[in-house]
PDB file of N, CA and C in Angstrom:
ATOM      1  N   UNK A   1      76.194  24.425 153.837  1.00  0.00           N
ATOM      2  CA  UNK A   1      77.232  25.683 154.387  1.00  0.00           C
ATOM      3  C   UNK A   1      78.204  25.113 155.524  1.00  0.00           C
ATOM      4  N   UNK A   2      77.917  24.352 156.047  1.00  0.00           N
ATOM      5  CA  UNK A   2      78.528  23.834 157.510  1.00  0.00           C
ATOM      6  C   UNK A   2      79.736  22.984 157.060  1.00  0.00           C
ATOM      7  N   UNK A   3      79.614  22.070 156.141  1.00  0.00           N
ATOM      8  CA  UNK A   3      80.720  21.246 155.919  1.00  0.00           C
ATOM      9  C   UNK A   3      81.681  22.067 154.925  1.00  0.00           C
ATOM     10  N   UNK A   4      81.270  23.411 154.285  1.00  0.00           N
ATOM     11  CA  UNK A   4      82.078  24.412 153.374  1.00  0.00           C
ATOM     12  C   UNK A   4      83.064  25.228 154.528  1.00  0.00           C
ATOM     13  N   UNK A   5      82.012  25.307 155.328  1.00  0.00           N
ATOM     14  CA  UNK A   5      82.995  26.286 157.185  1.00  0.00           C
ATOM     15  C   UNK A   5      84.120  25.433 157.800  1.00  0.00           C
ATOM     16  N   UNK A   6      83.685  24.093 157.821  1.00  0.00           N
ATOM     17  CA  UNK A   6      84.482  23.355 158.428  1.00  0.00           C
ATOM     18  C   UNK A   6      85.798  23.038 157.063  1.00  0.00           C
ATOM     19  N   UNK A   7      85.559  22.739 156.029  1.00  0.00           N
ATOM     20  CA  UNK A   7      86.493  22.969 155.150  1.00  0.00           C
ATOM     21  C   UNK A   7      87.640  24.594 155.028  1.00  0.00           C
ATOM     22  N   UNK A   8      87.003  25.443 155.512  1.00  0.00           N
ATOM     23  CA  UNK A   8      87.521  26.317 155.633  1.00  0.00           C
ATOM     24  C   UNK A   8      88.690  26.548 156.768  1.00  0.00           C
ATOM     25  N   UNK A   9      87.554  26.217 157.782  1.00  0.00           N
ATOM     26  CA  UNK A   9      88.785  25.888 159.352  1.00  0.00           C
ATOM     27  C   UNK A   9      89.841  24.847 159.374  1.00  0.00           C
ATOM     28  N   UNK A  10      89.744  23.655 158.291  1.00  0.00           N
ATOM     29  CA  UNK A  10      90.505  22.796 158.252  1.00  0.00           C
ATOM     30  C   UNK A  10      91.850  23.689 157.543  1.00  0.00           C
ATOM     31  N   UNK A  11      91.456  24.630 156.470  1.00  0.00           N
ATOM     32  CA  UNK A  11      92.737  25.083 155.961  1.00  0.00           C
ATOM     33  C   UNK A  11      93.745  25.405 156.452  1.00  0.00           C
ATOM     34  N   UNK A  12      92.670  26.502 157.980  1.00  0.00           N
ATOM     35  CA  UNK A  12      94.088  27.202 158.724  1.00  0.00           C
ATOM     36  C   UNK A  12      94.374  26.190 159.686  1.00  0.00           C
ATOM     37  N   UNK A  13      93.507  25.536 160.369  1.00  0.00           N
ATOM     38  CA  UNK A  13      94.213  24.657 161.155  1.00  0.00           C
ATOM     39  C   UNK A  13      93.930  23.172 161.124  1.00  0.00           C
ATOM     40  N   UNK A  14      94.571  22.301 160.437  1.00  0.00           N
ATOM     41  CA  UNK A  14      94.116  21.057 159.776  1.00  0.00           C
ATOM     42  C   UNK A  14      94.099  19.989 161.362  1.00  0.00           C
ATOM     43  N   UNK A  15      93.284  18.775 161.295  1.00  0.00           N
ATOM     44  CA  UNK A  15      93.454  18.415 162.105  1.00  0.00           C
ATOM     45  C   UNK A  15      92.698  18.221 163.751  1.00  0.00           C
ATOM     46  N   UNK A  16      91.970  19.366 163.456  1.00  0.00           N
ATOM     47  CA  UNK A  16      90.903  19.242 164.416  1.00  0.00           C
ATOM     48  C   UNK A  16      89.788  18.931 164.235  1.00  0.00           C
ATOM     49  N   UNK A  17      88.924  18.550 166.028  1.00  0.00           N
ATOM     50  CA  UNK A  17      87.459  18.401 165.396  1.00  0.00           C
ATOM     51  C   UNK A  17      86.542  19.037 165.681  1.00  0.00           C
ATOM     52  N   UNK A  18      86.042  19.949 163.952  1.00  0.00           N
ATOM     53  CA  UNK A  18      85.777  21.156 164.446  1.00  0.00           C
ATOM     54  C   UNK A  18      83.862  20.581 164.226  1.00  0.00           C
ATOM     55  N   UNK A  19      83.536  19.901 164.040  1.00  0.00           N
ATOM     56  CA  UNK A  19      82.052  19.043 164.186  1.00  0.00           C
ATOM     57  C   UNK A  19      82.031  19.522 165.544  1.00  0.00           C
ATOM     58  N   UNK A  20      82.700  19.080 166.865  1.00  0.00           N
ATOM     59  CA  UNK A  20      82.535  18.662 168.040  1.00  0.00           C
ATOM     60  C   UNK A  20      83.087  19.978 168.883  1.00  0.00           C
ATOM     61  N   UNK A  21      83.973  20.671 168.496  1.00  0.00           N
ATOM     62  CA  UNK A  21      84.499  21.227 169.157  1.00  0.00           C
ATOM     63  C   UNK A  21      83.807  22.808 169.100  1.00  0.00           C
ATOM     64  N   UNK A  22      83.513  22.811 170.464  1.00  0.00           N
ATOM     65  CA  UNK A  22      82.786  24.413 170.793  1.00  0.00           C
ATOM     66  C   UNK A  22      83.499  25.602 171.628  1.00  0.00           C
ATOM     67  N   UNK A  23      84.940  25.568 171.247  1.00  0.00           N
ATOM     68  CA  UNK A  23      85.689  26.410 171.829  1.00  0.00           C
ATOM     69  C   UNK A  23      86.424  27.134 171.208  1.00  0.00           C
ATOM     70  N   UNK A  24      86.715  27.080 169.767  1.00  0.00           N
ATOM     71  CA  UNK A  24      87.761  27.558 169.093  1.00  0.00           C
ATOM     72  C   UNK A  24      88.731  28.830 170.079  1.00  0.00           C
ATOM     73  N   UNK A  25      87.605  29.704 170.075  1.00  0.00           N
ATOM     74  CA  UNK A  25      88.532  30.864 170.579  1.00  0.00           C
ATOM     75  C   UNK A  25      88.973  30.764 171.569  1.00  0.00           C
ATOM     76  N   UNK A  26      87.934  30.151 172.793  1.00  0.00           N
ATOM     77  CA  UNK A  26      87.864  30.064 174.006  1.00  0.00           C
ATOM     78  C   UNK A  26      89.577  29.231 173.792  1.00  0.00           C
ATOM     79  N   UNK A  27      89.687  28.063 173.781  1.00  0.00           N
ATOM     80  CA  UNK A  27      90.785  27.069 173.960  1.00  0.00           C
ATOM     81  C   UNK A  27      92.374  27.840 172.599  1.00  0.00           C
ATOM     82  N   UNK A  28      91.661  28.909 171.967  1.00  0.00           N
ATOM     83  CA  UNK A  28      93.072  29.313 171.652  1.00  0.00           C
ATOM     84  C   UNK A  28      93.314  28.588 170.343  1.00  0.00           C
ATOM     85  N   UNK A  29      92.538  27.913 169.662  1.00  0.00           N
ATOM     86  CA  UNK A  29      92.515  27.087 168.039  1.00  0.00           C
ATOM     87  C   UNK A  29      92.766  28.325 167.572  1.00  0.00           C
ATOM     88  N   UNK A  30      92.105  29.337 167.399  1.00  0.00           N
ATOM     89  CA  UNK A  30      92.005  30.128 166.555  1.00  0.00           C
ATOM     90  C   UNK A  30      92.228  31.332 167.376  1.00  0.00           C
ATOM     91  N   UNK A  31      93.093  32.369 166.599  1.00  0.00           N
ATOM     92  CA  UNK A  31      93.954  33.531 167.492  1.00  0.00           C
ATOM     93  C   UNK A  31      93.160  34.386 166.566  1.00  0.00           C
ATOM     94  N   UNK A  32      93.093  35.702 166.511  1.00  0.00           N
ATOM     95  CA  UNK A  32      92.661  36.817 165.811  1.00  0.00           C
ATOM     96  C   UNK A  32      93.217  37.001 164.719  1.00  0.00           C
ATOM     97  N   UNK A  33      94.508  36.834 163.766  1.00  0.00           N
ATOM     98  CA  UNK A  33      94.945  36.360 162.649  1.00  0.00           C
ATOM     99  C   UNK A  33      93.846  35.389 162.255  1.00  0.00           C
ATOM    100  N   UNK A  34      93.392  34.346 162.590  1.00  0.00           N
ATOM    101  CA  UNK A  34      92.822  33.370 162.161  1.00  0.00           C
ATOM    102  C   UNK A  34      91.295  33.473 161.927  1.00  0.00           C
ATOM    103  N   UNK A  35      91.246  34.648 162.546  1.00  0.00           N
ATOM    104  CA  UNK A  35      89.526  34.979 162.456  1.00  0.00           C
ATOM    105  C   UNK A  35      89.846  35.914 161.067  1.00  0.00           C
ATOM    106  N   UNK A  36      90.338  36.715 160.974  1.00  0.00           N
ATOM    107  CA  UNK A  36      90.544  37.626 160.396  1.00  0.00           C
ATOM    108  C   UNK A  36      90.835  37.022 158.903  1.00  0.00           C
ATOM    109  N   UNK A  37      91.511  36.201 158.567  1.00  0.00           N
ATOM    110  CA  UNK A  37      91.409  35.723 157.883  1.00  0.00           C
ATOM    111  C   UNK A  37      90.059  34.499 156.944  1.00  0.00           C
ATOM    112  N   UNK A  38      89.651  33.880 158.383  1.00  0.00           N
ATOM    113  CA  UNK A  38      88.357  33.608 158.226  1.00  0.00           C
ATOM    114  C   UNK A  38      87.342  34.167 157.633  1.00  0.00           C
ATOM    115  N   UNK A  39      86.772  35.342 158.401  1.00  0.00           N
ATOM    116  CA  UNK A  39      86.177  36.449 158.065  1.00  0.00           C
ATOM    117  C   UNK A  39      86.576  36.686 156.649  1.00  0.00           C
ATOM    118  N   UNK A  40      87.696  36.921 155.942  1.00  0.00           N
ATOM    119  CA  UNK A  40      87.252  37.280 154.642  1.00  0.00           C
ATOM    120  C   UNK A  40      87.139  35.999 153.724  1.00  0.00           C
ATOM    121  N   UNK A  41      87.352  34.693 154.245  1.00  0.00           N
ATOM    122  CA  UNK A  41      86.955  33.623 153.577  1.00  0.00           C
ATOM    123  C   UNK A  41      85.171  33.721 152.987  1.00  0.00           C
ATOM    124  N   UNK A  42      85.125  33.757 154.209  1.00  0.00           N
ATOM    125  CA  UNK A  42      83.094  33.715 154.811  1.00  0.00           C
ATOM    126  C   UNK A  42      82.838  35.074 153.968  1.00  0.00           C
ATOM    127  N   UNK A  43      83.236  36.102 153.911  1.00  0.00           N
ATOM    128  CA  UNK A  43      82.607  37.191 153.288  1.00  0.00           C
ATOM    129  C   UNK A  43      82.803  36.564 151.476  1.00  0.00           C
ATOM    130  N   UNK A  44      83.391  36.042 151.379  1.00  0.00           N
ATOM    131  CA  UNK A  44      83.295  35.344 149.433  1.00  0.00           C
ATOM    132  C   UNK A  44      83.132  34.557 149.357  1.00  0.00           C
ATOM    133  N   UNK A  45      82.599  33.746 150.168  1.00  0.00           N
ATOM    134  CA  UNK A  45      82.175  32.408 149.828  1.00  0.00           C
ATOM    135  C   UNK A  45      80.672  32.944 149.634  1.00  0.00           C
ATOM    136  N   UNK A  46      79.704  33.281 150.948  1.00  0.00           N
ATOM    137  CA  UNK A  46      78.607  33.947 151.496  1.00  0.00           C
ATOM    138  C   UNK A  46      78.005  34.432 150.605  1.00  0.00           C
ATOM    139  N   UNK A  47      78.997  35.682 150.548  1.00  0.00           N
ATOM    140  CA  UNK A  47      78.663  37.300 149.285  1.00  0.00           C
ATOM    141  C   UNK A  47      77.691  38.305 151.219  1.00  0.00           C
ATOM    142  N   UNK A  48      78.708  38.018 152.107  1.00  0.00           N
ATOM    143  CA  UNK A  48      78.038  38.412 153.284  1.00  0.00           C
ATOM    144  C   UNK A  48      78.837  39.520 153.900  1.00  0.00           C
ATOM    145  N   UNK A  49      78.458  40.482 154.648  1.00  0.00           N
ATOM    146  CA  UNK A  49      79.608  41.576 154.907  1.00  0.00           C
ATOM    147  C   UNK A  49      79.463  41.316 156.824  1.00  0.00           C
ATOM    148  N   UNK A  50      80.736  41.022 157.045  1.00  0.00           N
ATOM    149  CA  UNK A  50      80.786  40.942 158.786  1.00  0.00           C
ATOM    150  C   UNK A  50      81.708  42.026 159.078  1.00  0.00           C
ATOM    151  N   UNK A  51      81.022  43.032 159.599  1.00  0.00           N
ATOM    152  CA  UNK A  51      81.745  43.937 160.160  1.00  0.00           C
ATOM    153  C   UNK A  51      82.492  43.758 161.183  1.00  0.00           C
ATOM    154  N   UNK A  52      83.796  44.950 161.728  1.00  0.00           N
ATOM    155  CA  UNK A  52      84.137  44.879 162.770  1.00  0.00           C
ATOM    156  C   UNK A  52      83.190  44.153 164.383  1.00  0.00           C
ATOM    157  N   UNK A  53      82.385  44.754 164.342  1.00  0.00           N
ATOM    158  CA  UNK A  53      81.281  44.712 165.658  1.00  0.00           C
ATOM    159  C   UNK A  53      81.024  43.282 165.623  1.00  0.00           C
ATOM    160  N   UNK A  54      81.507  42.409 164.696  1.00  0.00           N
ATOM    161  CA  UNK A  54      80.859  41.124 164.723  1.00  0.00           C
ATOM    162  C   UNK A  54      81.772  40.037 165.018  1.00  0.00           C
ATOM    163  N   UNK A  55      83.171  40.539 164.852  1.00  0.00           N
ATOM    164  CA  UNK A  55      84.079  39.971 165.436  1.00  0.00           C
ATOM    165  C   UNK A  55      84.488  39.687 166.906  1.00  0.00           C
ATOM    166  N   UNK A  56      83.454  39.463 167.448  1.00  0.00           N
ATOM    167  CA  UNK A  56      83.152  38.668 168.963  1.00  0.00           C
ATOM    168  C   UNK A  56      83.237  36.990 168.827  1.00  0.00           C
ATOM    169  N   UNK A  57      84.309  36.573 169.917  1.00  0.00           N
ATOM    170  CA  UNK A  57      84.177  35.286 169.993  1.00  0.00           C
ATOM    171  C   UNK A  57      82.594  34.475 169.968  1.00  0.00           C
ATOM    172  N   UNK A  58      82.189  34.902 170.650  1.00  0.00           N
ATOM    173  CA  UNK A  58      80.254  34.657 170.664  1.00  0.00           C
ATOM    174  C   UNK A  58      80.703  34.074 168.943  1.00  0.00           C
ATOM    175  N   UNK A  59      80.643  35.003 167.973  1.00  0.00           N
ATOM    176  CA  UNK A  59      80.107  34.572 167.294  1.00  0.00           C
ATOM    177  C   UNK A  59      81.055  33.504 166.089  1.00  0.00           C
ATOM    178  N   UNK A  60      82.431  33.113 166.327  1.00  0.00           N
ATOM    179  CA  UNK A  60      83.321  32.246 166.395  1.00  0.00           C
ATOM    180  C   UNK A  60      83.840  31.086 167.109  1.00  0.00           C
ATOM    181  N   UNK A  61      83.347  30.698 167.869  1.00  0.00           N
ATOM    182  CA  UNK A  61      83.737  29.525 169.060  1.00  0.00           C
ATOM    183  C   UNK A  61      83.369  28.383 168.797  1.00  0.00           C
ATOM    184  N   UNK A  62      82.593  28.300 167.776  1.00  0.00           N
ATOM    185  CA  UNK A  62      82.073  26.630 167.175  1.00  0.00           C
ATOM    186  C   UNK A  62      81.444  26.921 165.674  1.00  0.00           C
ATOM    187  N   UNK A  63      81.614  25.865 164.749  1.00  0.00           N
ATOM    188  CA  UNK A  63      80.778  26.169 163.668  1.00  0.00           C
ATOM    189  C   UNK A  63      79.233  26.151 163.943  1.00  0.00           C
ATOM    190  N   UNK A  64      78.722  25.824 164.430  1.00  0.00           N
ATOM    191  CA  UNK A  64      77.358  26.196 164.858  1.00  0.00           C
ATOM    192  C   UNK A  64      77.377  28.020 164.977  1.00  0.00           C
ATOM    193  N   UNK A  65      78.178  28.786 165.937  1.00  0.00           N
ATOM    194  CA  UNK A  65      77.937  29.660 166.039  1.00  0.00           C
ATOM    195  C   UNK A  65      78.431  30.536 164.431  1.00  0.00           C
ATOM    196  N   UNK A  66      79.473  30.379 163.835  1.00  0.00           N
ATOM    197  CA  UNK A  66      79.980  30.836 162.693  1.00  0.00           C
ATOM    198  C   UNK A  66      78.536  30.369 161.875  1.00  0.00           C
ATOM    199  N   UNK A  67      78.352  29.330 161.424  1.00  0.00           N
ATOM    200  CA  UNK A  67      77.070  28.978 160.814  1.00  0.00           C
ATOM    201  C   UNK A  67      75.509  30.320 161.107  1.00  0.00           C
ATOM    202  N   UNK A  68      75.570  30.262 162.538  1.00  0.00           N
ATOM    203  CA  UNK A  68      74.643  31.030 162.715  1.00  0.00           C
ATOM    204  C   UNK A  68      74.642  32.570 162.534  1.00  0.00           C
ATOM    205  N   UNK A  69      76.122  33.017 162.935  1.00  0.00           N
ATOM    206  CA  UNK A  69      76.626  34.310 162.109  1.00  0.00           C
ATOM    207  C   UNK A  69      75.954  34.602 160.670  1.00  0.00           C
ATOM    208  N   UNK A  70      76.563  33.702 159.555  1.00  0.00           N
ATOM    209  CA  UNK A  70      76.305  33.953 158.297  1.00  0.00           C
ATOM    210  C   UNK A  70      74.321  33.297 158.052  1.00  0.00           C
ATOM    211  N   UNK A  71      73.915  32.607 158.759  1.00  0.00           N
ATOM    212  CA  UNK A  71      72.455  32.875 158.666  1.00  0.00           C
ATOM    213  C   UNK A  71      71.678  34.306 158.585  1.00  0.00           C
ATOM    214  N   UNK A  72      72.097  34.195 159.916  1.00  0.00           N
ATOM    215  CA  UNK A  72      71.558  36.025 160.031  1.00  0.00           C
ATOM    216  C   UNK A  72      71.963  36.977 159.368  1.00  0.00           C
ATOM    217  N   UNK A  73      73.271  36.774 158.437  1.00  0.00           N
ATOM    218  CA  UNK A  73      73.648  37.757 157.527  1.00  0.00           C
ATOM    219  C   UNK A  73      72.797  37.600 156.482  1.00  0.00           C
ATOM    220  N   UNK A  74      72.497  36.641 156.308  1.00  0.00           N
ATOM    221  CA  UNK A  74      71.645  36.227 154.702  1.00  0.00           C
ATOM    222  C   UNK A  74      70.392  36.390 154.949  1.00  0.00           C
ATOM    223  N   UNK A  75      69.535  36.036 156.193  1.00  0.00           N
ATOM    224  CA  UNK A  75      68.162  36.844 156.541  1.00  0.00           C
ATOM    225  C   UNK A  75      68.192  38.093 156.275  1.00  0.00           C
TER     226      UNK A  75
END
């Protein structure tokens, strides 16, 4: 799952070390349009529903945060 999420992020912004970056939102690597695009991809890929209430910086600041979000929705 983590590798697939990194692939999705690289499609949005290539050249970022997503493996170690823990401040994708705080450092403005991802903006709101990027998050909306990513959310669509995540919902399609992992067959989960990500509501607007979950689109908060804490859920998208790192790859690990995104993985935790998806795992929580799948469980």
